[in-house]
N, C-alpha and C. Protein backbone atom coordinates (compact mmCIF):
# COMPACT_ATOMS: atom_id res chain seq x y z
N UNK A 1 -35.17 39.84 1.46
CA UNK A 1 -35.18 39.73 0.34
C UNK A 1 -37.00 39.04 -0.01
N UNK A 2 -37.67 40.20 -0.38
CA UNK A 2 -39.04 40.01 -0.20
C UNK A 2 -39.37 39.19 -1.96
N UNK A 3 -40.22 38.44 -1.89
CA UNK A 3 -40.63 37.56 -3.23
C UNK A 3 -41.82 37.90 -3.41
N UNK A 4 -42.38 38.64 -4.48
CA UNK A 4 -43.51 39.04 -5.03
C UNK A 4 -44.48 37.62 -4.90
N UNK A 5 -45.44 37.52 -3.84
CA UNK A 5 -46.32 36.71 -4.35
C UNK A 5 -47.75 36.80 -3.69
N UNK A 6 -47.92 38.18 -4.22
CA UNK A 6 -49.48 38.57 -4.43
C UNK A 6 -49.91 39.32 -5.90
N UNK A 7 -50.13 39.28 -6.55
CA UNK A 7 -50.70 39.87 -7.93
C UNK A 7 -52.00 40.58 -8.07
N UNK A 8 -51.81 41.81 -8.50
CA UNK A 8 -52.95 43.08 -8.42
C UNK A 8 -53.57 43.07 -9.68
N UNK A 9 -54.76 42.65 -10.62
CA UNK A 9 -54.80 43.17 -11.54
C UNK A 9 -55.71 43.86 -11.74
N UNK A 10 -56.15 44.38 -11.21
CA UNK A 10 -57.41 45.39 -10.43
C UNK A 10 -58.08 45.00 -9.39
N UNK A 11 -59.05 45.83 -8.91
CA UNK A 11 -59.99 45.77 -7.85
C UNK A 11 -60.25 44.48 -6.97
N UNK A 12 -60.48 43.99 -7.92
CA UNK A 12 -61.23 42.81 -7.49
C UNK A 12 -61.11 41.37 -8.25
N UNK A 13 -59.67 41.90 -8.63
CA UNK A 13 -59.17 40.39 -9.64
C UNK A 13 -57.01 40.83 -9.11
N UNK A 14 -57.40 39.76 -7.88
CA UNK A 14 -56.25 39.46 -7.16
C UNK A 14 -56.51 37.99 -6.89
N UNK A 15 -54.69 37.98 -7.13
CA UNK A 15 -53.95 35.56 -6.94
C UNK A 15 -52.88 36.22 -6.06
N UNK A 16 -52.63 34.94 -5.86
CA UNK A 16 -51.41 34.81 -4.96
C UNK A 16 -50.37 33.68 -5.95
N UNK A 17 -49.13 34.45 -6.12
CA UNK A 17 -48.20 33.69 -7.21
C UNK A 17 -47.49 32.01 -6.51
N UNK A 18 -48.03 31.14 -6.65
CA UNK A 18 -47.27 30.43 -6.29
C UNK A 18 -45.80 29.91 -6.98
N UNK A 19 -45.40 30.42 -7.42
CA UNK A 19 -44.43 30.47 -8.18
C UNK A 19 -43.36 29.33 -7.15
N UNK A 20 -42.45 28.41 -7.54
CA UNK A 20 -41.19 28.20 -6.74
C UNK A 20 -40.35 29.15 -6.99
N UNK A 21 -39.34 29.65 -5.76
CA UNK A 21 -38.47 30.54 -6.70
C UNK A 21 -37.05 29.66 -5.98
N UNK A 22 -36.20 28.49 -6.57
CA UNK A 22 -35.17 28.42 -5.96
C UNK A 22 -33.72 29.47 -5.33
N UNK A 23 -33.77 29.42 -4.02
CA UNK A 23 -32.79 29.77 -3.65
C UNK A 23 -31.83 29.28 -2.68
N UNK A 24 -30.41 29.81 -3.02
CA UNK A 24 -29.67 28.87 -2.18
C UNK A 24 -29.83 29.36 -0.72
N UNK A 25 -29.66 27.98 0.21
CA UNK A 25 -29.18 28.45 1.53
C UNK A 25 -28.01 28.84 2.28
N UNK A 26 -27.09 28.58 1.09
CA UNK A 26 -25.47 29.02 1.51
C UNK A 26 -24.97 29.30 0.26
N UNK A 27 -24.65 30.42 0.37
CA UNK A 27 -23.20 31.10 -0.65
C UNK A 27 -24.43 31.53 -1.78
N UNK A 28 -24.89 33.12 -1.39
CA UNK A 28 -25.83 33.74 -1.91
C UNK A 28 -24.43 34.76 -3.05
N UNK A 29 -23.82 34.46 -3.79
CA UNK A 29 -22.98 35.29 -4.87
C UNK A 29 -23.24 36.59 -4.95
N UNK A 30 -23.21 37.54 -4.64
CA UNK A 30 -23.85 39.24 -5.43
C UNK A 30 -23.10 39.69 -6.09
N UNK A 31 -21.75 39.52 -5.64
CA UNK A 31 -20.67 39.73 -6.01
C UNK A 31 -20.65 40.53 -7.73
N UNK A 32 -21.86 40.32 -8.22
CA UNK A 32 -21.60 40.27 -10.18
C UNK A 32 -22.57 41.21 -10.37
N UNK A 33 -23.69 41.16 -9.07
CA UNK A 33 -25.06 41.98 -9.27
C UNK A 33 -24.94 43.05 -8.56
N UNK A 34 -23.69 43.73 -7.80
CA UNK A 34 -23.55 45.28 -6.83
C UNK A 34 -22.41 46.10 -8.25
N UNK A 35 -22.52 47.73 -8.12
CA UNK A 35 -21.81 48.19 -8.49
C UNK A 35 -20.36 48.43 -7.83
N UNK A 36 -19.29 48.35 -8.38
CA UNK A 36 -17.73 48.43 -7.78
C UNK A 36 -17.69 50.17 -6.97
N UNK A 37 -17.30 49.96 -6.10
CA UNK A 37 -17.36 51.53 -5.45
C UNK A 37 -16.22 51.68 -5.35
N UNK A 38 -15.59 53.09 -5.24
CA UNK A 38 -14.84 53.57 -5.51
C UNK A 38 -13.96 53.43 -3.86
N UNK A 39 -12.48 52.99 -3.31
CA UNK A 39 -12.43 53.49 -2.13
C UNK A 39 -12.08 54.71 -1.47
N UNK A 40 -13.30 54.77 -0.54
CA UNK A 40 -13.41 55.91 0.35
C UNK A 40 -12.77 56.03 1.28
N UNK A 41 -12.06 56.75 2.30
CA UNK A 41 -11.60 56.68 3.37
C UNK A 41 -12.87 56.39 4.36
N UNK A 42 -13.84 57.32 4.80
CA UNK A 42 -14.78 57.24 5.39
C UNK A 42 -15.91 56.05 4.72
N UNK A 43 -15.81 55.23 3.67
CA UNK A 43 -16.33 54.35 3.24
C UNK A 43 -16.76 53.49 4.07
N UNK A 44 -18.41 53.16 4.59
CA UNK A 44 -18.50 51.66 5.61
C UNK A 44 -18.66 50.59 4.59
N UNK A 45 -18.17 50.49 2.94
CA UNK A 45 -18.42 48.51 3.05
C UNK A 45 -16.99 49.21 2.39
N UNK A 46 -16.48 47.57 2.74
CA UNK A 46 -14.69 47.48 2.76
C UNK A 46 -15.10 46.18 0.79
N UNK A 47 -14.85 46.91 -0.34
CA UNK A 47 -14.49 46.09 -1.33
C UNK A 47 -13.97 44.84 -1.20
N UNK A 48 -13.35 44.66 -0.46
CA UNK A 48 -12.05 43.55 -0.29
C UNK A 48 -12.85 42.57 0.36
N UNK A 49 -13.97 42.53 1.01
CA UNK A 49 -14.45 41.51 1.67
C UNK A 49 -15.79 40.97 0.45
N UNK A 50 -15.93 39.59 0.30
CA UNK A 50 -16.74 39.22 -0.81
C UNK A 50 -18.18 39.19 -0.23
N UNK A 51 -18.89 39.62 -1.26
CA UNK A 51 -20.21 40.08 -0.96
C UNK A 51 -21.24 38.00 -1.00
N UNK A 52 -21.14 37.16 -0.51
CA UNK A 52 -21.77 35.98 -0.21
C UNK A 52 -22.19 36.42 0.88
N UNK A 53 -23.16 35.91 0.54
CA UNK A 53 -24.48 35.49 1.89
C UNK A 53 -24.97 34.15 2.04
N UNK A 54 -25.38 34.12 3.35
CA UNK A 54 -25.86 32.84 3.60
C UNK A 54 -27.40 33.08 4.47
N UNK A 55 -28.43 31.79 3.73
CA UNK A 55 -29.21 31.99 4.43
C UNK A 55 -29.56 31.89 6.16
N UNK A 56 -30.15 32.62 6.77
CA UNK A 56 -30.57 31.98 8.44
C UNK A 56 -32.22 32.44 8.22
N UNK A 57 -32.75 32.86 7.55
CA UNK A 57 -34.41 32.79 8.06
C UNK A 57 -34.87 32.82 6.86
N UNK A 58 -36.56 32.02 7.30
CA UNK A 58 -37.89 32.39 5.85
C UNK A 58 -39.07 32.23 6.37
N UNK A 59 -39.58 33.23 5.58
CA UNK A 59 -41.53 33.33 6.13
C UNK A 59 -41.62 32.80 5.25
N UNK A 60 -42.75 32.17 5.38
CA UNK A 60 -43.42 31.20 4.86
C UNK A 60 -44.89 32.04 4.53
N UNK A 61 -45.78 31.71 3.97
CA UNK A 61 -47.46 31.88 3.84
C UNK A 61 -47.97 31.07 2.99
N UNK A 62 -48.84 30.42 3.45
CA UNK A 62 -49.72 29.74 3.16
C UNK A 62 -51.33 29.61 3.00
N UNK A 63 -51.45 30.07 2.06
CA UNK A 63 -53.18 29.76 2.02
C UNK A 63 -53.20 30.72 0.48
N UNK A 64 -54.51 32.08 0.54
CA UNK A 64 -54.97 32.71 -0.60
C UNK A 64 -54.67 33.96 0.09
N UNK A 65 -54.65 34.66 -1.26
CA UNK A 65 -55.05 36.36 -1.28
C UNK A 65 -56.07 36.74 -0.15
N UNK A 66 -55.73 37.55 1.06
CA UNK A 66 -56.30 38.19 1.46
C UNK A 66 -56.80 36.82 3.09
N UNK A 67 -56.06 35.57 3.19
CA UNK A 67 -56.19 35.26 4.23
C UNK A 67 -54.84 34.13 4.33
N UNK A 68 -54.65 33.23 4.99
CA UNK A 68 -53.54 31.99 5.35
C UNK A 68 -53.12 32.37 6.83
N UNK A 69 -51.83 31.85 6.55
CA UNK A 69 -50.86 31.35 7.75
C UNK A 69 -49.65 31.02 7.45
N UNK A 70 -49.09 32.02 8.42
CA UNK A 70 -47.62 32.42 8.21
C UNK A 70 -46.99 31.56 9.22
N UNK A 71 -45.91 30.77 8.68
CA UNK A 71 -44.73 29.76 9.50
C UNK A 71 -43.52 30.82 9.11
N UNK A 72 -42.81 29.64 9.68
CA UNK A 72 -40.91 30.32 9.45
C UNK A 72 -39.83 29.10 9.73
N UNK A 73 -38.97 29.71 8.80
CA UNK A 73 -37.56 28.72 9.35
C UNK A 73 -36.42 29.46 9.25
N UNK A 74 -35.68 28.88 10.78
CA UNK A 74 -34.72 29.54 10.76
C UNK A 74 -33.91 28.70 11.26
N UNK A 75 -32.36 29.10 11.08
CA UNK A 75 -30.82 28.56 11.69
C UNK A 75 -30.96 28.60 13.50
N UNK A 76 -30.52 27.48 13.75
CA UNK A 76 -30.34 27.17 15.34
C UNK A 76 -29.35 28.27 15.22
N UNK A 77 -28.96 28.47 16.49
CA UNK A 77 -27.83 29.62 16.82
C UNK A 77 -27.43 29.36 18.37
N UNK A 78 -26.11 29.82 18.42
CA UNK A 78 -25.65 29.23 19.60
C UNK A 78 -24.53 30.24 19.77
N UNK A 79 -23.84 30.97 20.65
CA UNK A 79 -23.08 31.72 20.99
C UNK A 79 -21.79 31.46 19.76
N UNK A 80 -21.58 31.19 19.38
CA UNK A 80 -20.23 31.14 18.24
C UNK A 80 -21.32 31.55 16.62
N UNK A 81 -22.81 31.36 16.84
CA UNK A 81 -22.93 32.11 15.59
C UNK A 81 -23.96 30.98 15.00
N UNK A 82 -24.67 30.89 13.32
CA UNK A 82 -25.43 30.19 13.22
C UNK A 82 -24.79 28.94 13.20
N UNK A 83 -25.80 27.64 13.27
CA UNK A 83 -25.46 26.30 12.52
C UNK A 83 -26.07 25.96 11.32
N UNK A 84 -25.82 24.76 11.35
CA UNK A 84 -26.33 24.10 9.97
C UNK A 84 -27.80 23.38 10.18
N UNK A 85 -28.29 23.46 11.81
CA UNK A 85 -29.38 22.97 11.98
C UNK A 85 -30.78 24.22 11.51
N UNK A 86 -31.74 23.65 10.85
CA UNK A 86 -32.90 24.58 10.98
C UNK A 86 -34.02 24.25 12.02
N UNK A 87 -34.87 25.33 12.47
CA UNK A 87 -36.40 24.42 12.82
C UNK A 87 -37.41 25.71 12.10
N UNK A 88 -38.38 25.00 12.40
CA UNK A 88 -39.54 25.35 12.13
C UNK A 88 -40.31 26.16 13.50
N UNK A 89 -40.72 26.95 12.92
CA UNK A 89 -41.69 28.05 13.88
C UNK A 89 -42.99 27.87 13.35
N UNK A 90 -44.37 27.18 14.03
CA UNK A 90 -45.67 27.35 13.76
C UNK A 90 -46.43 27.39 14.76
N UNK A 91 -46.73 28.60 14.76
CA UNK A 91 -47.58 29.70 16.41
C UNK A 91 -46.75 29.06 17.33
N UNK A 92 -47.15 28.06 18.24
CA UNK A 92 -46.58 27.81 19.13
C UNK A 92 -45.51 26.36 19.18
N UNK A 93 -45.67 25.97 18.31
CA UNK A 93 -45.17 24.42 17.85
C UNK A 93 -43.56 25.05 17.58
N UNK A 94 -42.57 24.17 18.11
CA UNK A 94 -41.00 24.46 17.11
C UNK A 94 -40.55 22.92 16.91
N UNK A 95 -40.51 23.03 15.66
CA UNK A 95 -39.63 21.09 15.45
C UNK A 95 -38.42 21.20 14.83
N UNK A 96 -37.78 20.38 14.99
CA UNK A 96 -36.37 20.72 14.03
C UNK A 96 -36.82 20.03 12.66
N UNK A 97 -35.93 20.57 11.62
CA UNK A 97 -36.02 20.76 10.04
C UNK A 97 -35.22 18.87 9.68
N UNK A 98 -35.78 17.95 9.63
CA UNK A 98 -34.83 16.47 8.93
C UNK A 98 -34.12 17.12 7.29
N UNK A 99 -34.82 17.34 6.85
CA UNK A 99 -34.05 18.17 5.06
C UNK A 99 -34.10 19.37 4.54
N UNK A 100 -33.02 20.09 4.98
CA UNK A 100 -33.36 21.11 4.82
C UNK A 100 -33.37 21.48 3.32
N UNK A 101 -33.47 20.78 2.52
CA UNK A 101 -33.94 20.75 1.09
C UNK A 101 -35.11 21.58 1.08
N UNK A 102 -35.61 21.00 2.35
CA UNK A 102 -37.48 21.78 2.21
C UNK A 102 -37.76 22.71 2.68
N UNK A 103 -36.85 23.46 3.03
CA UNK A 103 -37.13 25.02 3.00
C UNK A 103 -37.40 25.82 2.13
N UNK A 104 -36.74 25.13 0.59
CA UNK A 104 -37.41 26.43 -0.57
C UNK A 104 -38.35 25.57 -1.22
N UNK A 105 -39.48 26.37 -0.79
CA UNK A 105 -40.36 25.63 -1.00
C UNK A 105 -41.54 26.66 -2.05
N UNK A 106 -42.57 26.88 -2.69
CA UNK A 106 -43.58 27.54 -2.98
C UNK A 106 -44.32 28.63 -1.96
N UNK A 107 -43.60 28.08 -0.96
CA UNK A 107 -44.56 29.38 0.02
C UNK A 107 -43.48 30.35 0.65
N UNK A 108 -42.67 29.94 0.62
CA UNK A 108 -41.26 31.03 0.68
C UNK A 108 -41.94 32.63 0.63
N UNK A 109 -41.44 33.68 1.36
CA UNK A 109 -42.67 34.85 1.06
C UNK A 109 -41.32 35.54 1.49
N UNK A 110 -40.50 35.66 2.07
CA UNK A 110 -39.24 36.95 2.84
C UNK A 110 -37.97 35.60 3.31
N UNK A 111 -36.99 36.24 2.40
CA UNK A 111 -35.73 35.41 2.39
C UNK A 111 -34.89 36.36 3.39
N UNK A 112 -34.56 36.02 4.80
CA UNK A 112 -33.42 36.65 5.06
C UNK A 112 -31.98 36.42 5.28
N UNK A 113 -30.88 36.92 4.77
CA UNK A 113 -29.27 36.72 3.88
C UNK A 113 -28.76 37.49 5.71
N UNK A 114 -27.51 36.62 5.34
CA UNK A 114 -26.16 37.25 6.62
C UNK A 114 -25.19 37.37 5.61
N UNK A 115 -24.58 38.01 5.91
CA UNK A 115 -23.29 38.38 4.83
C UNK A 115 -22.47 37.44 5.92
N UNK A 116 -21.34 36.78 4.67
CA UNK A 116 -20.32 35.72 5.58
C UNK A 116 -19.41 36.92 5.97
N UNK A 117 -18.85 36.73 6.99
CA UNK A 117 -17.81 37.14 7.61
C UNK A 117 -16.42 36.02 7.24
N UNK A 118 -15.43 36.97 6.54
CA UNK A 118 -14.36 36.48 6.25
C UNK A 118 -13.08 37.36 6.98
N UNK A 119 -12.18 36.50 7.63
CA UNK A 119 -11.65 36.98 8.38
C UNK A 119 -9.75 36.93 7.96
């Protein structure tokens, strides 16, 4: 999900939009936001699986239009999939995130969600 963070009002009038967009870390439900498709034998979408998504990564932008600094947050992974712990990636520094609520910030720029698997 790309959040519109830059506004163009003309050639020399551009600015960054710093509004906080509150987004869920877990359980983004898109069921009501998608059209119901008819079940076709070769359809690649299984309508029986809920459209529930969990966040696994965020790209952040700090600075202004034309310059700034990018960081990222991502869930840690192991062979079984995503875990609840988050890490922050800032150039060559990788640190644990103590409070996952801090991931939702006005710096969030691109959100990466993964559809839940229901077995």
